[in-house]
PDB file of all heavy atoms in Angstrom:
ATOM      1  N   VAL A   1       0.839  -1.194   0.004  1.00  0.00           N
ATOM      2  CA  VAL A   1       0.008  -0.006   0.006  1.00  0.00           C
ATOM      3  C   VAL A   1       0.868   1.251  -0.005  1.00  0.00           C
ATOM      4  O   VAL A   1       0.598   2.212  -0.725  1.00  0.00           O
ATOM      5  CB  VAL A   1      -0.949   0.000   1.220  1.00  0.00           C
ATOM      6  CG1 VAL A   1      -1.631   1.358   1.376  1.00  0.00           C
ATOM      7  CG2 VAL A   1      -1.983  -1.091   1.083  1.00  0.00           C
ATOM      8  N   MET A   2       1.919   1.265   0.820  1.00  0.00           N
ATOM      9  CA  MET A   2       2.812   2.422   0.868  1.00  0.00           C
ATOM     10  C   MET A   2       3.493   2.664  -0.486  1.00  0.00           C
ATOM     11  O   MET A   2       3.634   3.794  -0.932  1.00  0.00           O
ATOM     12  CB  MET A   2       3.870   2.235   1.972  1.00  0.00           C
ATOM     13  CG  MET A   2       3.312   2.390   3.378  1.00  0.00           C
ATOM     14  SD  MET A   2       4.608   2.435   4.632  1.00  0.00           S
ATOM     15  CE  MET A   2       5.113   0.705   4.615  1.00  0.00           C
ATOM     16  N   ALA A   3       3.909   1.575  -1.123  1.00  0.00           N
ATOM     17  CA  ALA A   3       4.527   1.700  -2.435  1.00  0.00           C
ATOM     18  C   ALA A   3       3.551   2.260  -3.468  1.00  0.00           C
ATOM     19  O   ALA A   3       3.890   3.122  -4.286  1.00  0.00           O
ATOM     20  CB  ALA A   3       5.095   0.364  -2.892  1.00  0.00           C
ATOM     21  N   ASN A   4       2.323   1.779  -3.450  1.00  0.00           N
ATOM     22  CA  ASN A   4       1.298   2.269  -4.402  1.00  0.00           C
ATOM     23  C   ASN A   4       0.962   3.725  -4.143  1.00  0.00           C
ATOM     24  O   ASN A   4       0.744   4.498  -5.089  1.00  0.00           O
ATOM     25  CB  ASN A   4       0.036   1.389  -4.291  1.00  0.00           C
ATOM     26  CG  ASN A   4       0.265  -0.023  -4.784  1.00  0.00           C
ATOM     27  OD1 ASN A   4       1.186  -0.274  -5.556  1.00  0.00           O
ATOM     28  ND2 ASN A   4      -0.574  -0.954  -4.340  1.00  0.00           N
ATOM     29  N   GLN A   5       0.895   4.105  -2.875  1.00  0.00           N
ATOM     30  CA  GLN A   5       0.606   5.499  -2.549  1.00  0.00           C
ATOM     31  C   GLN A   5       1.710   6.424  -3.039  1.00  0.00           C
ATOM     32  O   GLN A   5       1.447   7.493  -3.565  1.00  0.00           O
ATOM     33  CB  GLN A   5       0.424   5.653  -1.029  1.00  0.00           C
ATOM     34  CG  GLN A   5      -0.862   5.024  -0.485  1.00  0.00           C
ATOM     35  CD  GLN A   5      -0.925   5.061   1.022  1.00  0.00           C
ATOM     36  OE1 GLN A   5       0.070   5.308   1.704  1.00  0.00           O
ATOM     37  NE2 GLN A   5      -2.116   4.846   1.562  1.00  0.00           N
ATOM     38  N   LYS A   6       2.946   5.970  -2.859  1.00  0.00           N
ATOM     39  CA  LYS A   6       4.080   6.784  -3.328  1.00  0.00           C
ATOM     40  C   LYS A   6       4.069   6.911  -4.845  1.00  0.00           C
ATOM     41  O   LYS A   6       4.325   7.999  -5.405  1.00  0.00           O
ATOM     42  CB  LYS A   6       5.402   6.146  -2.863  1.00  0.00           C
ATOM     43  CG  LYS A   6       6.622   7.025  -3.119  1.00  0.00           C
ATOM     44  CD  LYS A   6       6.563   8.272  -2.252  1.00  0.00           C
ATOM     45  CE  LYS A   6       7.824   9.098  -2.419  1.00  0.00           C
ATOM     46  NZ  LYS A   6       7.800  10.327  -1.600  1.00  0.00           N
ATOM     47  N   ALA A   7       3.745   5.811  -5.533  1.00  0.00           N
ATOM     48  CA  ALA A   7       3.699   5.858  -6.986  1.00  0.00           C
ATOM     49  C   ALA A   7       2.572   6.768  -7.473  1.00  0.00           C
ATOM     50  O   ALA A   7       2.720   7.508  -8.449  1.00  0.00           O
ATOM     51  CB  ALA A   7       3.506   4.450  -7.539  1.00  0.00           C
ATOM     52  N   ALA A   8       1.414   6.738  -6.777  1.00  0.00           N
ATOM     53  CA  ALA A   8       0.279   7.597  -7.175  1.00  0.00           C
ATOM     54  C   ALA A   8       0.606   9.053  -6.975  1.00  0.00           C
ATOM     55  O   ALA A   8       0.204   9.918  -7.766  1.00  0.00           O
ATOM     56  CB  ALA A   8      -0.940   7.215  -6.361  1.00  0.00           C
ATOM     57  N   GLU A   9       1.350   9.369  -5.904  1.00  0.00           N
ATOM     58  CA  GLU A   9       1.696  10.776  -5.628  1.00  0.00           C
ATOM     59  C   GLU A   9       2.655  11.324  -6.693  1.00  0.00           C
ATOM     60  O   GLU A   9       2.609  12.514  -7.009  1.00  0.00           O
ATOM     61  CB  GLU A   9       2.347  10.877  -4.258  1.00  0.00           C
ATOM     62  CG  GLU A   9       1.378  10.614  -3.122  1.00  0.00           C
ATOM     63  CD  GLU A   9       2.078  10.565  -1.761  1.00  0.00           C
ATOM     64  OE1 GLU A   9       3.314  10.749  -1.762  1.00  0.00           O
ATOM     65  OE2 GLU A   9       1.413  10.339  -0.736  1.00  0.00           O
ATOM     66  N   SER A  10       3.526  10.472  -7.215  1.00  0.00           N
ATOM     67  CA  SER A  10       4.518  10.938  -8.177  1.00  0.00           C
ATOM     68  C   SER A  10       4.046  10.866  -9.628  1.00  0.00           C
ATOM     69  O   SER A  10       4.705  11.360 -10.529  1.00  0.00           O
ATOM     70  CB  SER A  10       5.810  10.133  -8.036  1.00  0.00           C
ATOM     71  OG  SER A  10       5.541   8.747  -8.272  1.00  0.00           O
ATOM     72  N   ALA A  11       2.864  10.237  -9.879  1.00  0.00           N
ATOM     73  CA  ALA A  11       2.384  10.083 -11.260  1.00  0.00           C
ATOM     74  C   ALA A  11       1.826  11.413 -11.758  1.00  0.00           C
ATOM     75  O   ALA A  11       1.198  12.151 -11.036  1.00  0.00           O
ATOM     76  CB  ALA A  11       1.278   9.025 -11.290  1.00  0.00           C
ATOM     77  N   PRO A  12       2.067  11.762 -13.061  1.00  0.00           N
ATOM     78  CA  PRO A  12       1.519  12.999 -13.628  1.00  0.00           C
ATOM     79  C   PRO A  12       0.000  12.935 -13.737  1.00  0.00           C
ATOM     80  O   PRO A  12      -0.570  11.857 -13.926  1.00  0.00           O
ATOM     81  CB  PRO A  12       2.177  13.068 -15.010  1.00  0.00           C
ATOM     82  CG  PRO A  12       2.526  11.659 -15.330  1.00  0.00           C
ATOM     83  CD  PRO A  12       2.866  10.997 -14.030  1.00  0.00           C
ATOM     84  N   VAL A  13      -0.665  14.073 -13.611  1.00  0.00           N
ATOM     85  CA  VAL A  13      -2.127  14.160 -13.657  1.00  0.00           C
ATOM     86  C   VAL A  13      -2.567  14.732 -15.005  1.00  0.00           C
ATOM     87  O   VAL A  13      -2.093  15.828 -15.378  1.00  0.00           O
ATOM     88  CB  VAL A  13      -2.667  15.005 -12.498  1.00  0.00           C
ATOM     89  CG1 VAL A  13      -4.179  15.125 -12.583  1.00  0.00           C
ATOM     90  CG2 VAL A  13      -2.235  14.406 -11.161  1.00  0.00           C
ATOM     91  N   ASP A  14      -3.450  14.050 -15.728  1.00  0.00           N
ATOM     92  CA  ASP A  14      -3.980  14.527 -16.992  1.00  0.00           C
ATOM     93  C   ASP A  14      -5.255  15.293 -16.729  1.00  0.00           C
ATOM     94  O   ASP A  14      -6.271  14.723 -16.299  1.00  0.00           O
ATOM     95  CB  ASP A  14      -4.258  13.326 -17.923  1.00  0.00           C
ATOM     96  CG  ASP A  14      -4.664  13.778 -19.317  1.00  0.00           C
ATOM     97  OD1 ASP A  14      -4.693  15.011 -19.549  1.00  0.00           O
ATOM     98  OD2 ASP A  14      -4.955  12.890 -20.140  1.00  0.00           O
ATOM     99  N   THR A  15      -5.238  16.606 -16.936  1.00  0.00           N
ATOM    100  CA  THR A  15      -6.388  17.444 -16.609  1.00  0.00           C
ATOM    101  C   THR A  15      -7.405  17.509 -17.741  1.00  0.00           C
ATOM    102  O   THR A  15      -8.492  18.081 -17.539  1.00  0.00           O
ATOM    103  CB  THR A  15      -5.903  18.876 -16.299  1.00  0.00           C
ATOM    104  OG1 THR A  15      -5.183  19.374 -17.404  1.00  0.00           O
ATOM    105  CG2 THR A  15      -5.008  18.860 -15.061  1.00  0.00           C
ATOM    106  N   SER A  16      -7.135  16.977 -18.900  1.00  0.00           N
ATOM    107  CA  SER A  16      -8.100  16.959 -19.987  1.00  0.00           C
ATOM    108  C   SER A  16      -7.995  15.660 -20.759  1.00  0.00           C
ATOM    109  O   SER A  16      -6.960  14.983 -20.741  1.00  0.00           O
ATOM    110  CB  SER A  16      -7.869  18.138 -20.933  1.00  0.00           C
ATOM    111  OG  SER A  16      -6.644  17.995 -21.610  1.00  0.00           O
ATOM    112  N   ALA A  17      -9.053  15.309 -21.467  1.00  0.00           N
ATOM    113  CA  ALA A  17      -9.081  14.013 -22.147  1.00  0.00           C
ATOM    114  C   ALA A  17      -8.089  13.969 -23.301  1.00  0.00           C
ATOM    115  O   ALA A  17      -7.571  12.919 -23.638  1.00  0.00           O
ATOM    116  CB  ALA A  17     -10.503  13.726 -22.657  1.00  0.00           C
ATOM    117  N   ASN A  18      -7.865  15.114 -23.953  1.00  0.00           N
ATOM    118  CA  ASN A  18      -7.009  15.125 -25.147  1.00  0.00           C
ATOM    119  C   ASN A  18      -5.593  15.639 -24.887  1.00  0.00           C
ATOM    120  O   ASN A  18      -4.763  15.618 -25.774  1.00  0.00           O
ATOM    121  CB  ASN A  18      -7.667  15.988 -26.234  1.00  0.00           C
ATOM    122  CG  ASN A  18      -9.035  15.455 -26.638  1.00  0.00           C
ATOM    123  OD1 ASN A  18      -9.219  14.243 -26.710  1.00  0.00           O
ATOM    124  ND2 ASN A  18      -9.967  16.356 -26.912  1.00  0.00           N
ATOM    125  N   LYS A  19      -5.383  16.142 -23.685  1.00  0.00           N
ATOM    126  CA  LYS A  19      -4.078  16.751 -23.414  1.00  0.00           C
ATOM    127  C   LYS A  19      -3.082  15.686 -22.996  1.00  0.00           C
ATOM    128  O   LYS A  19      -3.353  14.830 -22.160  1.00  0.00           O
ATOM    129  CB  LYS A  19      -4.219  17.778 -22.296  1.00  0.00           C
ATOM    130  CG  LYS A  19      -2.932  18.505 -21.997  1.00  0.00           C
ATOM    131  CD  LYS A  19      -3.130  19.530 -20.892  1.00  0.00           C
ATOM    132  CE  LYS A  19      -1.845  20.249 -20.568  1.00  0.00           C
ATOM    133  NZ  LYS A  19      -2.018  21.252 -19.479  1.00  0.00           N
ATOM    134  N   ILE A  20      -1.907  15.733 -23.607  1.00  0.00           N
ATOM    135  CA  ILE A  20      -0.839  14.813 -23.266  1.00  0.00           C
ATOM    136  C   ILE A  20      -0.152  15.305 -21.993  1.00  0.00           C
ATOM    137  O   ILE A  20       0.244  16.490 -21.908  1.00  0.00           O
ATOM    138  CB  ILE A  20       0.198  14.697 -24.389  1.00  0.00           C
ATOM    139  CG1 ILE A  20      -0.486  14.177 -25.653  1.00  0.00           C
ATOM    140  CG2 ILE A  20       1.349  13.800 -23.975  1.00  0.00           C
ATOM    141  CD1 ILE A  20       0.442  14.122 -26.865  1.00  0.00           C
ATOM    142  N   PRO A  21      -0.039  14.485 -20.989  1.00  0.00           N
ATOM    143  CA  PRO A  21       0.585  14.944 -19.725  1.00  0.00           C
ATOM    144  C   PRO A  21       1.974  15.451 -19.982  1.00  0.00           C
ATOM    145  O   PRO A  21       2.742  14.873 -20.768  1.00  0.00           O
ATOM    146  CB  PRO A  21       0.610  13.682 -18.860  1.00  0.00           C
ATOM    147  CG  PRO A  21      -0.449  12.787 -19.450  1.00  0.00           C
ATOM    148  CD  PRO A  21      -0.471  13.089 -20.902  1.00  0.00           C
ATOM    149  N   GLU A  22       2.283  16.541 -19.336  1.00  0.00           N
ATOM    150  CA  GLU A  22       3.627  17.096 -19.455  1.00  0.00           C
ATOM    151  C   GLU A  22       4.616  16.199 -18.716  1.00  0.00           C
ATOM    152  O   GLU A  22       4.286  15.567 -17.726  1.00  0.00           O
ATOM    153  CB  GLU A  22       3.672  18.490 -18.848  1.00  0.00           C
ATOM    154  CG  GLU A  22       2.805  19.490 -19.617  1.00  0.00           C
ATOM    155  CD  GLU A  22       2.927  20.857 -18.984  1.00  0.00           C
ATOM    156  OE1 GLU A  22       3.645  20.997 -17.977  1.00  0.00           O
ATOM    157  OE2 GLU A  22       2.283  21.793 -19.492  1.00  0.00           O
ATOM    158  N   LYS A  23       5.815  16.153 -19.215  1.00  0.00           N
ATOM    159  CA  LYS A  23       6.858  15.369 -18.594  1.00  0.00           C
ATOM    160  C   LYS A  23       7.232  15.979 -17.264  1.00  0.00           C
ATOM    161  O   LYS A  23       7.509  17.178 -17.189  1.00  0.00           O
ATOM    162  CB  LYS A  23       8.075  15.311 -19.507  1.00  0.00           C
ATOM    163  CG  LYS A  23       9.163  14.390 -18.998  1.00  0.00           C
ATOM    164  CD  LYS A  23      10.293  14.295 -19.995  1.00  0.00           C
ATOM    165  CE  LYS A  23      11.373  13.339 -19.531  1.00  0.00           C
ATOM    166  NZ  LYS A  23      12.498  13.248 -20.478  1.00  0.00           N
ATOM    167  N   PRO A  24       7.169  15.206 -16.201  1.00  0.00           N
ATOM    168  CA  PRO A  24       7.442  15.793 -14.889  1.00  0.00           C
ATOM    169  C   PRO A  24       8.886  16.292 -14.821  1.00  0.00           C
ATOM    170  O   PRO A  24       9.787  15.773 -15.455  1.00  0.00           O
ATOM    171  CB  PRO A  24       7.238  14.613 -13.918  1.00  0.00           C
ATOM    172  CG  PRO A  24       7.398  13.386 -14.764  1.00  0.00           C
ATOM    173  CD  PRO A  24       6.889  13.761 -16.130  1.00  0.00           C
ATOM    174  N   ALA A  25       9.043  17.339 -14.024  1.00  0.00           N
ATOM    175  CA  ALA A  25      10.379  17.921 -13.851  1.00  0.00           C
ATOM    176  C   ALA A  25      11.282  16.912 -13.177  1.00  0.00           C
ATOM    177  O   ALA A  25      10.877  16.169 -12.290  1.00  0.00           O
ATOM    178  CB  ALA A  25      10.285  19.195 -13.023  1.00  0.00           C
ATOM    179  N   LEU A  26      12.516  16.871 -13.604  1.00  0.00           N
ATOM    180  CA  LEU A  26      13.479  15.944 -13.034  1.00  0.00           C
ATOM    181  C   LEU A  26      13.897  16.408 -11.657  1.00  0.00           C
ATOM    182  O   LEU A  26      14.252  17.556 -11.452  1.00  0.00           O
ATOM    183  CB  LEU A  26      14.687  15.828 -13.942  1.00  0.00           C
ATOM    184  CG  LEU A  26      14.440  15.197 -15.326  1.00  0.00           C
ATOM    185  CD1 LEU A  26      15.721  15.220 -16.140  1.00  0.00           C
ATOM    186  CD2 LEU A  26      13.896  13.779 -15.178  1.00  0.00           C
ATOM    187  N   GLY A  27      13.850  15.537 -10.680  1.00  0.00           N
ATOM    188  CA  GLY A  27      14.295  15.868  -9.347  1.00  0.00           C
ATOM    189  C   GLY A  27      15.483  15.024  -8.969  1.00  0.00           C
ATOM    190  O   GLY A  27      16.057  14.324  -9.818  1.00  0.00           O
ATOM    191  N   PRO A  28      15.857  15.047  -7.741  1.00  0.00           N
ATOM    192  CA  PRO A  28      17.001  14.236  -7.292  1.00  0.00           C
ATOM    193  C   PRO A  28      16.728  12.752  -7.526  1.00  0.00           C
ATOM    194  O   PRO A  28      15.649  12.251  -7.243  1.00  0.00           O
ATOM    195  CB  PRO A  28      17.077  14.571  -5.806  1.00  0.00           C
ATOM    196  CG  PRO A  28      16.338  15.852  -5.652  1.00  0.00           C
ATOM    197  CD  PRO A  28      15.289  15.859  -6.666  1.00  0.00           C
ATOM    198  N   THR A  29      17.687  12.053  -8.103  1.00  0.00           N
ATOM    199  CA  THR A  29      17.525  10.623  -8.359  1.00  0.00           C
ATOM    200  C   THR A  29      17.883   9.846  -7.097  1.00  0.00           C
ATOM    201  O   THR A  29      18.725  10.261  -6.306  1.00  0.00           O
ATOM    202  CB  THR A  29      18.433  10.199  -9.520  1.00  0.00           C
ATOM    203  OG1 THR A  29      19.803  10.494  -9.177  1.00  0.00           O
ATOM    204  CG2 THR A  29      18.060  10.945 -10.792  1.00  0.00           C
ATOM    205  N   HIS A  30      17.254   8.710  -6.941  1.00  0.00           N
ATOM    206  CA  HIS A  30      17.551   7.864  -5.808  1.00  0.00           C
ATOM    207  C   HIS A  30      17.423   6.411  -6.231  1.00  0.00           C
ATOM    208  O   HIS A  30      16.644   6.048  -7.129  1.00  0.00           O
ATOM    209  CB  HIS A  30      16.644   8.193  -4.617  1.00  0.00           C
ATOM    210  CG  HIS A  30      15.199   8.298  -4.958  1.00  0.00           C
ATOM    211  ND1 HIS A  30      14.353   7.214  -5.070  1.00  0.00           N
ATOM    212  CD2 HIS A  30      14.443   9.389  -5.237  1.00  0.00           C
ATOM    213  CE1 HIS A  30      13.151   7.606  -5.395  1.00  0.00           C
ATOM    214  NE2 HIS A  30      13.154   8.935  -5.485  1.00  0.00           N
ATOM    215  N   LEU A  31      18.127   5.536  -5.552  1.00  0.00           N
ATOM    216  CA  LEU A  31      18.201   4.117  -5.921  1.00  0.00           C
ATOM    217  C   LEU A  31      16.994   3.333  -5.447  1.00  0.00           C
ATOM    218  O   LEU A  31      16.557   2.391  -6.100  1.00  0.00           O
ATOM    219  CB  LEU A  31      19.471   3.489  -5.341  1.00  0.00           C
ATOM    220  CG  LEU A  31      20.793   4.000  -5.893  1.00  0.00           C
ATOM    221  CD1 LEU A  31      21.952   3.312  -5.168  1.00  0.00           C
ATOM    222  CD2 LEU A  31      20.893   3.768  -7.380  1.00  0.00           C
ATOM    223  N   PHE A  32      16.406   3.707  -4.304  1.00  0.00           N
ATOM    224  CA  PHE A  32      15.351   2.920  -3.672  1.00  0.00           C
ATOM    225  C   PHE A  32      14.081   3.735  -3.559  1.00  0.00           C
ATOM    226  O   PHE A  32      14.114   4.986  -3.528  1.00  0.00           O
ATOM    227  CB  PHE A  32      15.793   2.427  -2.305  1.00  0.00           C
ATOM    228  CG  PHE A  32      17.164   1.831  -2.277  1.00  0.00           C
ATOM    229  CD1 PHE A  32      18.190   2.445  -1.567  1.00  0.00           C
ATOM    230  CD2 PHE A  32      17.454   0.666  -2.968  1.00  0.00           C
ATOM    231  CE1 PHE A  32      19.486   1.918  -1.565  1.00  0.00           C
ATOM    232  CE2 PHE A  32      18.724   0.128  -2.969  1.00  0.00           C
ATOM    233  CZ  PHE A  32      19.751   0.742  -2.263  1.00  0.00           C
ATOM    234  N   ASN A  33      12.952   3.057  -3.470  1.00  0.00           N
ATOM    235  CA  ASN A  33      11.659   3.680  -3.342  1.00  0.00           C
ATOM    236  C   ASN A  33      10.943   3.185  -2.084  1.00  0.00           C
ATOM    237  O   ASN A  33      11.356   2.181  -1.480  1.00  0.00           O
ATOM    238  CB  ASN A  33      10.781   3.399  -4.560  1.00  0.00           C
ATOM    239  CG  ASN A  33      11.401   3.949  -5.850  1.00  0.00           C
ATOM    240  OD1 ASN A  33      11.686   5.144  -5.941  1.00  0.00           O
ATOM    241  ND2 ASN A  33      11.599   3.104  -6.843  1.00  0.00           N
ATOM    242  N   VAL A  34       9.871   3.877  -1.710  1.00  0.00           N
ATOM    243  CA  VAL A  34       9.065   3.466  -0.563  1.00  0.00           C
ATOM    244  C   VAL A  34       8.532   2.052  -0.827  1.00  0.00           C
ATOM    245  O   VAL A  34       7.993   1.767  -1.894  1.00  0.00           O
ATOM    246  CB  VAL A  34       7.909   4.429  -0.327  1.00  0.00           C
ATOM    247  CG1 VAL A  34       7.000   3.915   0.787  1.00  0.00           C
ATOM    248  CG2 VAL A  34       8.445   5.807   0.064  1.00  0.00           C
ATOM    249  N   GLY A  35       8.679   1.178   0.148  1.00  0.00           N
ATOM    250  CA  GLY A  35       8.234  -0.208   0.026  1.00  0.00           C
ATOM    251  C   GLY A  35       9.343  -1.171  -0.328  1.00  0.00           C
ATOM    252  O   GLY A  35       9.175  -2.386  -0.144  1.00  0.00           O
ATOM    253  N   ASP A  36      10.486  -0.667  -0.823  1.00  0.00           N
ATOM    254  CA  ASP A  36      11.624  -1.533  -1.128  1.00  0.00           C
ATOM    255  C   ASP A  36      12.235  -2.060   0.158  1.00  0.00           C
ATOM    256  O   ASP A  36      12.186  -1.395   1.208  1.00  0.00           O
ATOM    257  CB  ASP A  36      12.690  -0.786  -1.920  1.00  0.00           C
ATOM    258  CG  ASP A  36      12.248  -0.453  -3.342  1.00  0.00           C
ATOM    259  OD1 ASP A  36      11.206  -0.988  -3.765  1.00  0.00           O
ATOM    260  OD2 ASP A  36      12.941   0.330  -4.010  1.00  0.00           O
ATOM    261  N   VAL A  37      12.796  -3.252   0.093  1.00  0.00           N
ATOM    262  CA  VAL A  37      13.523  -3.834   1.221  1.00  0.00           C
ATOM    263  C   VAL A  37      15.005  -3.732   0.936  1.00  0.00           C
ATOM    264  O   VAL A  37      15.469  -4.210  -0.099  1.00  0.00           O
ATOM    265  CB  VAL A  37      13.107  -5.279   1.479  1.00  0.00           C
ATOM    266  CG1 VAL A  37      13.900  -5.866   2.648  1.00  0.00           C
ATOM    267  CG2 VAL A  37      11.597  -5.371   1.771  1.00  0.00           C
ATOM    268  N   VAL A  38      15.736  -3.097   1.808  1.00  0.00           N
ATOM    269  CA  VAL A  38      17.158  -2.899   1.624  1.00  0.00           C
ATOM    270  C   VAL A  38      17.933  -3.536   2.766  1.00  0.00           C
ATOM    271  O   VAL A  38      17.344  -3.979   3.765  1.00  0.00           O
ATOM    272  CB  VAL A  38      17.501  -1.380   1.532  1.00  0.00           C
ATOM    273  CG1 VAL A  38      16.814  -0.759   0.334  1.00  0.00           C
ATOM    274  CG2 VAL A  38      17.068  -0.663   2.821  1.00  0.00           C
ATOM    275  N   THR A  39      19.239  -3.574   2.631  1.00  0.00           N
ATOM    276  CA  THR A  39      20.101  -4.114   3.667  1.00  0.00           C
ATOM    277  C   THR A  39      21.249  -3.152   3.922  1.00  0.00           C
ATOM    278  O   THR A  39      21.591  -2.351   3.046  1.00  0.00           O
ATOM    279  CB  THR A  39      20.627  -5.510   3.278  1.00  0.00           C
ATOM    280  OG1 THR A  39      21.393  -6.052   4.342  1.00  0.00           O
ATOM    281  CG2 THR A  39      21.524  -5.400   2.034  1.00  0.00           C
ATOM    282  N   LEU A  40      21.814  -3.244   5.100  1.00  0.00           N
ATOM    283  CA  LEU A  40      22.959  -2.413   5.424  1.00  0.00           C
ATOM    284  C   LEU A  40      24.221  -2.965   4.744  1.00  0.00           C
ATOM    285  O   LEU A  40      24.440  -4.164   4.746  1.00  0.00           O
ATOM    286  CB  LEU A  40      23.178  -2.362   6.943  1.00  0.00           C
ATOM    287  CG  LEU A  40      22.091  -1.728   7.790  1.00  0.00           C
ATOM    288  CD1 LEU A  40      22.444  -1.824   9.259  1.00  0.00           C
ATOM    289  CD2 LEU A  40      21.886  -0.270   7.402  1.00  0.00           C
ATOM    290  N   ARG A  41      25.016  -2.078   4.208  1.00  0.00           N
ATOM    291  CA  ARG A  41      26.291  -2.532   3.629  1.00  0.00           C
ATOM    292  C   ARG A  41      27.212  -3.105   4.707  1.00  0.00           C
ATOM    293  O   ARG A  41      28.019  -3.971   4.428  1.00  0.00           O
ATOM    294  CB  ARG A  41      26.974  -1.365   2.914  1.00  0.00           C
ATOM    295  CG  ARG A  41      26.279  -0.893   1.645  1.00  0.00           C
ATOM    296  CD  ARG A  41      27.067   0.202   0.937  1.00  0.00           C
ATOM    297  NE  ARG A  41      26.398   0.635  -0.282  1.00  0.00           N
ATOM    298  CZ  ARG A  41      26.514   0.082  -1.457  1.00  0.00           C
ATOM    299  NH1 ARG A  41      27.319  -0.974  -1.588  1.00  0.00           N
ATOM    300  NH2 ARG A  41      25.883   0.546  -2.515  1.00  0.00           N
TER     301      ARG A  41
END
């Protein structure tokens, strides 16, 4: 659920039926996302 919520928050919103969503602005890149399981190095 947390992973889906994070994905929904970051997805672009289409405000009209014919309008192509604008490409979201590039932000800081990261290796992991909410819901991923990681380990300590």
